[in-house]
Amino acid sequence: MSRTAEMSPILSSNHVRLATHPIFVAEKHADGTPIVTLRREGNTIREIQIRCPCGELIVLDCQYEAA
């Protein structure tokens, strides 16, 4: 396989497998709101994860200045 074919966003039929049942790519809330998760170290929030109803994940790293 050439380097160009490896980087292509188009999959050939021999790289695709069909399933007989639905496959969910993201957990969704019934009302379509994003899921927000906080990662903490003690009382300090280190990371905020936001999962969109479409499945996209946004991660916000929290950095604090020394007091």
PDB file of N, CA and C in Angstrom:
ATOM      1  N   MET A   1       0.853  -1.188   0.000  1.00  0.00           N
ATOM      2  CA  MET A   1       0.000   0.000   0.000  1.00  0.00           C
ATOM      3  C   MET A   1       0.888   1.238   0.000  1.00  0.00           C
ATOM      4  N   SER A   2       0.562   2.188  -0.813  1.00  0.00           N
ATOM      5  CA  SER A   2       1.375   3.407  -0.899  1.00  0.00           C
ATOM      6  C   SER A   2       1.087   4.333   0.275  1.00  0.00           C
ATOM      7  N   ARG A   3       1.994   5.241   0.529  1.00  0.00           N
ATOM      8  CA  ARG A   3       1.846   6.212   1.626  1.00  0.00           C
ATOM      9  C   ARG A   3       0.597   7.065   1.420  1.00  0.00           C
ATOM     10  N   THR A   4       0.286   7.440   0.166  1.00  0.00           N
ATOM     11  CA  THR A   4      -0.891   8.252  -0.132  1.00  0.00           C
ATOM     12  C   THR A   4      -2.168   7.510   0.230  1.00  0.00           C
ATOM     13  N   ALA A   5      -2.229   6.228  -0.078  1.00  0.00           N
ATOM     14  CA  ALA A   5      -3.421   5.442   0.240  1.00  0.00           C
ATOM     15  C   ALA A   5      -3.614   5.320   1.741  1.00  0.00           C
ATOM     16  N   GLU A   6      -2.524   5.235   2.515  1.00  0.00           N
ATOM     17  CA  GLU A   6      -2.621   5.125   3.969  1.00  0.00           C
ATOM     18  C   GLU A   6      -3.198   6.386   4.597  1.00  0.00           C
ATOM     19  N   MET A   7      -2.966   7.541   4.004  1.00  0.00           N
ATOM     20  CA  MET A   7      -3.401   8.810   4.575  1.00  0.00           C
ATOM     21  C   MET A   7      -4.768   9.253   4.058  1.00  0.00           C
ATOM     22  N   SER A   8      -5.340   8.536   3.124  1.00  0.00           N
ATOM     23  CA  SER A   8      -6.617   8.922   2.525  1.00  0.00           C
ATOM     24  C   SER A   8      -7.759   8.763   3.523  1.00  0.00           C
ATOM     25  N   PRO A   9      -8.690   9.717   3.563  1.00  0.00           N
ATOM     26  CA  PRO A   9      -9.854   9.579   4.444  1.00  0.00           C
ATOM     27  C   PRO A   9     -10.905   8.625   3.879  1.00  0.00           C
ATOM     28  N   ILE A  10     -10.688   8.121   2.669  1.00  0.00           N
ATOM     29  CA  ILE A  10     -11.642   7.214   2.026  1.00  0.00           C
ATOM     30  C   ILE A  10     -11.184   5.781   2.236  1.00  0.00           C
ATOM     31  N   LEU A  11     -12.066   4.938   2.771  1.00  0.00           N
ATOM     32  CA  LEU A  11     -11.754   3.536   3.021  1.00  0.00           C
ATOM     33  C   LEU A  11     -12.180   2.680   1.842  1.00  0.00           C
ATOM     34  N   SER A  12     -11.343   1.734   1.475  1.00  0.00           N
ATOM     35  CA  SER A  12     -11.745   0.796   0.427  1.00  0.00           C
ATOM     36  C   SER A  12     -12.638  -0.276   1.050  1.00  0.00           C
ATOM     37  N   SER A  13     -13.397  -0.977   0.223  1.00  0.00           N
ATOM     38  CA  SER A  13     -14.381  -1.951   0.721  1.00  0.00           C
ATOM     39  C   SER A  13     -13.752  -3.086   1.508  1.00  0.00           C
ATOM     40  N   ASN A  14     -12.488  -3.426   1.240  1.00  0.00           N
ATOM     41  CA  ASN A  14     -11.865  -4.513   1.996  1.00  0.00           C
ATOM     42  C   ASN A  14     -11.409  -4.072   3.390  1.00  0.00           C
ATOM     43  N   HIS A  15     -11.545  -2.780   3.733  1.00  0.00           N
ATOM     44  CA  HIS A  15     -11.222  -2.279   5.064  1.00  0.00           C
ATOM     45  C   HIS A  15     -12.478  -1.968   5.886  1.00  0.00           C
ATOM     46  N   VAL A  16     -13.643  -2.330   5.373  1.00  0.00           N
ATOM     47  CA  VAL A  16     -14.910  -2.015   6.044  1.00  0.00           C
ATOM     48  C   VAL A  16     -15.627  -3.312   6.390  1.00  0.00           C
ATOM     49  N   ARG A  17     -16.168  -3.371   7.604  1.00  0.00           N
ATOM     50  CA  ARG A  17     -16.946  -4.523   8.030  1.00  0.00           C
ATOM     51  C   ARG A  17     -18.338  -4.032   8.415  1.00  0.00           C
ATOM     52  N   LEU A  18     -19.384  -4.642   7.887  1.00  0.00           N
ATOM     53  CA  LEU A  18     -20.751  -4.249   8.188  1.00  0.00           C
ATOM     54  C   LEU A  18     -21.272  -5.047   9.388  1.00  0.00           C
ATOM     55  N   ALA A  19     -21.995  -4.365  10.254  1.00  0.00           N
ATOM     56  CA  ALA A  19     -22.606  -5.014  11.415  1.00  0.00           C
ATOM     57  C   ALA A  19     -24.094  -5.165  11.159  1.00  0.00           C
ATOM     58  N   THR A  20     -24.678  -6.205  11.729  1.00  0.00           N
ATOM     59  CA  THR A  20     -26.111  -6.449  11.549  1.00  0.00           C
ATOM     60  C   THR A  20     -26.945  -5.688  12.571  1.00  0.00           C
ATOM     61  N   HIS A  21     -26.299  -5.056  13.532  1.00  0.00           N
ATOM     62  CA  HIS A  21     -27.013  -4.315  14.582  1.00  0.00           C
ATOM     63  C   HIS A  21     -26.486  -2.876  14.625  1.00  0.00           C
ATOM     64  N   PRO A  22     -27.274  -1.947  15.175  1.00  0.00           N
ATOM     65  CA  PRO A  22     -26.815  -0.548  15.263  1.00  0.00           C
ATOM     66  C   PRO A  22     -25.588  -0.433  16.164  1.00  0.00           C
ATOM     67  N   ILE A  23     -24.688   0.461  15.821  1.00  0.00           N
ATOM     68  CA  ILE A  23     -23.499   0.719  16.625  1.00  0.00           C
ATOM     69  C   ILE A  23     -23.551   2.178  17.063  1.00  0.00           C
ATOM     70  N   PHE A  24     -23.487   2.401  18.365  1.00  0.00           N
ATOM     71  CA  PHE A  24     -23.531   3.752  18.899  1.00  0.00           C
ATOM     72  C   PHE A  24     -22.108   4.266  19.044  1.00  0.00           C
ATOM     73  N   VAL A  25     -21.842   5.432  18.491  1.00  0.00           N
ATOM     74  CA  VAL A  25     -20.507   6.005  18.568  1.00  0.00           C
ATOM     75  C   VAL A  25     -20.382   7.007  19.708  1.00  0.00           C
ATOM     76  N   ALA A  26     -21.475   7.382  20.336  1.00  0.00           N
ATOM     77  CA  ALA A  26     -21.432   8.321  21.450  1.00  0.00           C
ATOM     78  C   ALA A  26     -22.635   8.106  22.351  1.00  0.00           C
ATOM     79  N   GLU A  27     -22.398   8.266  23.636  1.00  0.00           N
ATOM     80  CA  GLU A  27     -23.494   8.228  24.595  1.00  0.00           C
ATOM     81  C   GLU A  27     -24.229   9.560  24.513  1.00  0.00           C
ATOM     82  N   LYS A  28     -25.547   9.532  24.450  1.00  0.00           N
ATOM     83  CA  LYS A  28     -26.315  10.773  24.325  1.00  0.00           C
ATOM     84  C   LYS A  28     -27.268  10.936  25.503  1.00  0.00           C
ATOM     85  N   HIS A  29     -27.449  12.156  25.914  1.00  0.00           N
ATOM     86  CA  HIS A  29     -28.503  12.468  26.869  1.00  0.00           C
ATOM     87  C   HIS A  29     -29.817  12.493  26.103  1.00  0.00           C
ATOM     88  N   ALA A  30     -30.886  12.174  26.763  1.00  0.00           N
ATOM     89  CA  ALA A  30     -32.191  12.155  26.106  1.00  0.00           C
ATOM     90  C   ALA A  30     -32.559  13.526  25.539  1.00  0.00           C
ATOM     91  N   ASP A  31     -32.120  14.605  26.209  1.00  0.00           N
ATOM     92  CA  ASP A  31     -32.485  15.943  25.745  1.00  0.00           C
ATOM     93  C   ASP A  31     -31.437  16.551  24.806  1.00  0.00           C
ATOM     94  N   GLY A  32     -30.357  15.813  24.472  1.00  0.00           N
ATOM     95  CA  GLY A  32     -29.366  16.300  23.522  1.00  0.00           C
ATOM     96  C   GLY A  32     -28.353  17.273  24.093  1.00  0.00           C
ATOM     97  N   THR A  33     -28.280  17.413  25.416  1.00  0.00           N
ATOM     98  CA  THR A  33     -27.312  18.335  26.019  1.00  0.00           C
ATOM     99  C   THR A  33     -25.939  17.657  26.113  1.00  0.00           C
ATOM    100  N   PRO A  34     -24.865  18.438  26.112  1.00  0.00           N
ATOM    101  CA  PRO A  34     -23.530  17.851  26.244  1.00  0.00           C
ATOM    102  C   PRO A  34     -23.318  17.268  27.643  1.00  0.00           C
ATOM    103  N   ILE A  35     -22.377  16.323  27.738  1.00  0.00           N
ATOM    104  CA  ILE A  35     -22.011  15.717  29.014  1.00  0.00           C
ATOM    105  C   ILE A  35     -20.712  16.374  29.471  1.00  0.00           C
ATOM    106  N   VAL A  36     -20.718  16.951  30.665  1.00  0.00           N
ATOM    107  CA  VAL A  36     -19.547  17.637  31.208  1.00  0.00           C
ATOM    108  C   VAL A  36     -19.012  16.819  32.378  1.00  0.00           C
ATOM    109  N   THR A  37     -17.702  16.506  32.318  1.00  0.00           N
ATOM    110  CA  THR A  37     -17.049  15.720  33.358  1.00  0.00           C
ATOM    111  C   THR A  37     -15.852  16.500  33.886  1.00  0.00           C
ATOM    112  N   LEU A  38     -15.708  16.557  35.201  1.00  0.00           N
ATOM    113  CA  LEU A  38     -14.579  17.243  35.827  1.00  0.00           C
ATOM    114  C   LEU A  38     -13.603  16.210  36.370  1.00  0.00           C
ATOM    115  N   ARG A  39     -12.301  16.399  36.085  1.00  0.00           N
ATOM    116  CA  ARG A  39     -11.264  15.542  36.664  1.00  0.00           C
ATOM    117  C   ARG A  39     -10.578  16.359  37.744  1.00  0.00           C
ATOM    118  N   ARG A  40     -10.615  15.851  38.950  1.00  0.00           N
ATOM    119  CA  ARG A  40     -10.102  16.607  40.101  1.00  0.00           C
ATOM    120  C   ARG A  40      -8.880  15.938  40.712  1.00  0.00           C
ATOM    121  N   GLU A  41      -8.070  16.758  41.353  1.00  0.00           N
ATOM    122  CA  GLU A  41      -7.000  16.306  42.245  1.00  0.00           C
ATOM    123  C   GLU A  41      -7.277  16.996  43.568  1.00  0.00           C
ATOM    124  N   GLY A  42      -7.873  16.276  44.480  1.00  0.00           N
ATOM    125  CA  GLY A  42      -8.316  16.885  45.734  1.00  0.00           C
ATOM    126  C   GLY A  42      -9.448  17.853  45.439  1.00  0.00           C
ATOM    127  N   ASN A  43      -9.298  19.106  45.865  1.00  0.00           N
ATOM    128  CA  ASN A  43     -10.315  20.131  45.615  1.00  0.00           C
ATOM    129  C   ASN A  43     -10.030  20.943  44.350  1.00  0.00           C
ATOM    130  N   THR A  44      -8.979  20.590  43.614  1.00  0.00           N
ATOM    131  CA  THR A  44      -8.576  21.345  42.428  1.00  0.00           C
ATOM    132  C   THR A  44      -9.049  20.649  41.161  1.00  0.00           C
ATOM    133  N   ILE A  45      -9.710  21.389  40.292  1.00  0.00           N
ATOM    134  CA  ILE A  45     -10.145  20.854  38.999  1.00  0.00           C
ATOM    135  C   ILE A  45      -8.954  20.929  38.049  1.00  0.00           C
ATOM    136  N   ARG A  46      -8.527  19.773  37.520  1.00  0.00           N
ATOM    137  CA  ARG A  46      -7.386  19.714  36.611  1.00  0.00           C
ATOM    138  C   ARG A  46      -7.793  19.664  35.145  1.00  0.00           C
ATOM    139  N   GLU A  47      -8.992  19.136  34.877  1.00  0.00           N
ATOM    140  CA  GLU A  47      -9.414  18.961  33.488  1.00  0.00           C
ATOM    141  C   GLU A  47     -10.935  19.002  33.413  1.00  0.00           C
ATOM    142  N   ILE A  48     -11.441  19.630  32.371  1.00  0.00           N
ATOM    143  CA  ILE A  48     -12.876  19.647  32.094  1.00  0.00           C
ATOM    144  C   ILE A  48     -13.076  18.961  30.750  1.00  0.00           C
ATOM    145  N   GLN A  49     -13.892  17.904  30.725  1.00  0.00           N
ATOM    146  CA  GLN A  49     -14.192  17.195  29.484  1.00  0.00           C
ATOM    147  C   GLN A  49     -15.626  17.494  29.091  1.00  0.00           C
ATOM    148  N   ILE A  50     -15.826  17.877  27.835  1.00  0.00           N
ATOM    149  CA  ILE A  50     -17.158  18.179  27.316  1.00  0.00           C
ATOM    150  C   ILE A  50     -17.402  17.266  26.125  1.00  0.00           C
ATOM    151  N   ARG A  51     -18.393  16.371  26.255  1.00  0.00           N
ATOM    152  CA  ARG A  51     -18.734  15.475  25.156  1.00  0.00           C
ATOM    153  C   ARG A  51     -20.023  15.965  24.519  1.00  0.00           C
ATOM    154  N   CYS A  52     -19.920  16.360  23.263  1.00  0.00           N
ATOM    155  CA  CYS A  52     -21.035  16.866  22.476  1.00  0.00           C
ATOM    156  C   CYS A  52     -21.994  15.710  22.158  1.00  0.00           C
ATOM    157  N   PRO A  53     -23.281  15.990  21.964  1.00  0.00           N
ATOM    158  CA  PRO A  53     -24.221  14.933  21.563  1.00  0.00           C
ATOM    159  C   PRO A  53     -23.813  14.235  20.261  1.00  0.00           C
ATOM    160  N   CYS A  54     -23.003  14.896  19.418  1.00  0.00           N
ATOM    161  CA  CYS A  54     -22.543  14.271  18.168  1.00  0.00           C
ATOM    162  C   CYS A  54     -21.398  13.300  18.412  1.00  0.00           C
ATOM    163  N   GLY A  55     -20.816  13.301  19.617  1.00  0.00           N
ATOM    164  CA  GLY A  55     -19.731  12.384  19.948  1.00  0.00           C
ATOM    165  C   GLY A  55     -18.379  13.053  20.075  1.00  0.00           C
ATOM    166  N   GLU A  56     -18.246  14.295  19.637  1.00  0.00           N
ATOM    167  CA  GLU A  56     -16.961  14.992  19.731  1.00  0.00           C
ATOM    168  C   GLU A  56     -16.613  15.257  21.188  1.00  0.00           C
ATOM    169  N   LEU A  57     -15.336  15.106  21.529  1.00  0.00           N
ATOM    170  CA  LEU A  57     -14.861  15.337  22.887  1.00  0.00           C
ATOM    171  C   LEU A  57     -13.920  16.530  22.891  1.00  0.00           C
ATOM    172  N   ILE A  58     -14.187  17.481  23.775  1.00  0.00           N
ATOM    173  CA  ILE A  58     -13.331  18.649  23.966  1.00  0.00           C
ATOM    174  C   ILE A  58     -12.758  18.548  25.372  1.00  0.00           C
ATOM    175  N   VAL A  59     -11.430  18.658  25.496  1.00  0.00           N
ATOM    176  CA  VAL A  59     -10.780  18.566  26.795  1.00  0.00           C
ATOM    177  C   VAL A  59     -10.114  19.900  27.088  1.00  0.00           C
ATOM    178  N   LEU A  60     -10.462  20.482  28.222  1.00  0.00           N
ATOM    179  CA  LEU A  60      -9.872  21.748  28.666  1.00  0.00           C
ATOM    180  C   LEU A  60      -8.945  21.451  29.844  1.00  0.00           C
ATOM    181  N   ASP A  61      -7.641  21.696  29.681  1.00  0.00           N
ATOM    182  CA  ASP A  61      -6.687  21.528  30.769  1.00  0.00           C
ATOM    183  C   ASP A  61      -6.695  22.793  31.599  1.00  0.00           C
ATOM    184  N   CYS A  62      -6.827  22.654  32.917  1.00  0.00           N
ATOM    185  CA  CYS A  62      -6.866  23.807  33.813  1.00  0.00           C
ATOM    186  C   CYS A  62      -5.495  24.008  34.441  1.00  0.00           C
ATOM    187  N   GLN A  63      -4.931  25.193  34.249  1.00  0.00           N
ATOM    188  CA  GLN A  63      -3.637  25.517  34.822  1.00  0.00           C
ATOM    189  C   GLN A  63      -3.819  26.743  35.705  1.00  0.00           C
ATOM    190  N   TYR A  64      -3.246  26.684  36.889  1.00  0.00           N
ATOM    191  CA  TYR A  64      -3.398  27.749  37.863  1.00  0.00           C
ATOM    192  C   TYR A  64      -2.032  28.363  38.163  1.00  0.00           C
ATOM    193  N   GLU A  65      -2.033  29.691  38.355  1.00  0.00           N
ATOM    194  CA  GLU A  65      -0.800  30.373  38.762  1.00  0.00           C
ATOM    195  C   GLU A  65      -0.614  30.171  40.250  1.00  0.00           C
ATOM    196  N   ALA A  66       0.649  30.082  40.655  1.00  0.00           N
ATOM    197  CA  ALA A  66       0.945  29.936  42.087  1.00  0.00           C
ATOM    198  C   ALA A  66       0.489  31.190  42.832  1.00  0.00           C
ATOM    199  N   ALA A  67      -0.122  30.994  43.985  1.00  0.00           N
ATOM    200  CA  ALA A  67      -0.650  32.122  44.750  1.00  0.00           C
ATOM    201  C   ALA A  67       0.412  32.843  45.527  1.00  0.00           C
TER     202      ALA A  67
END
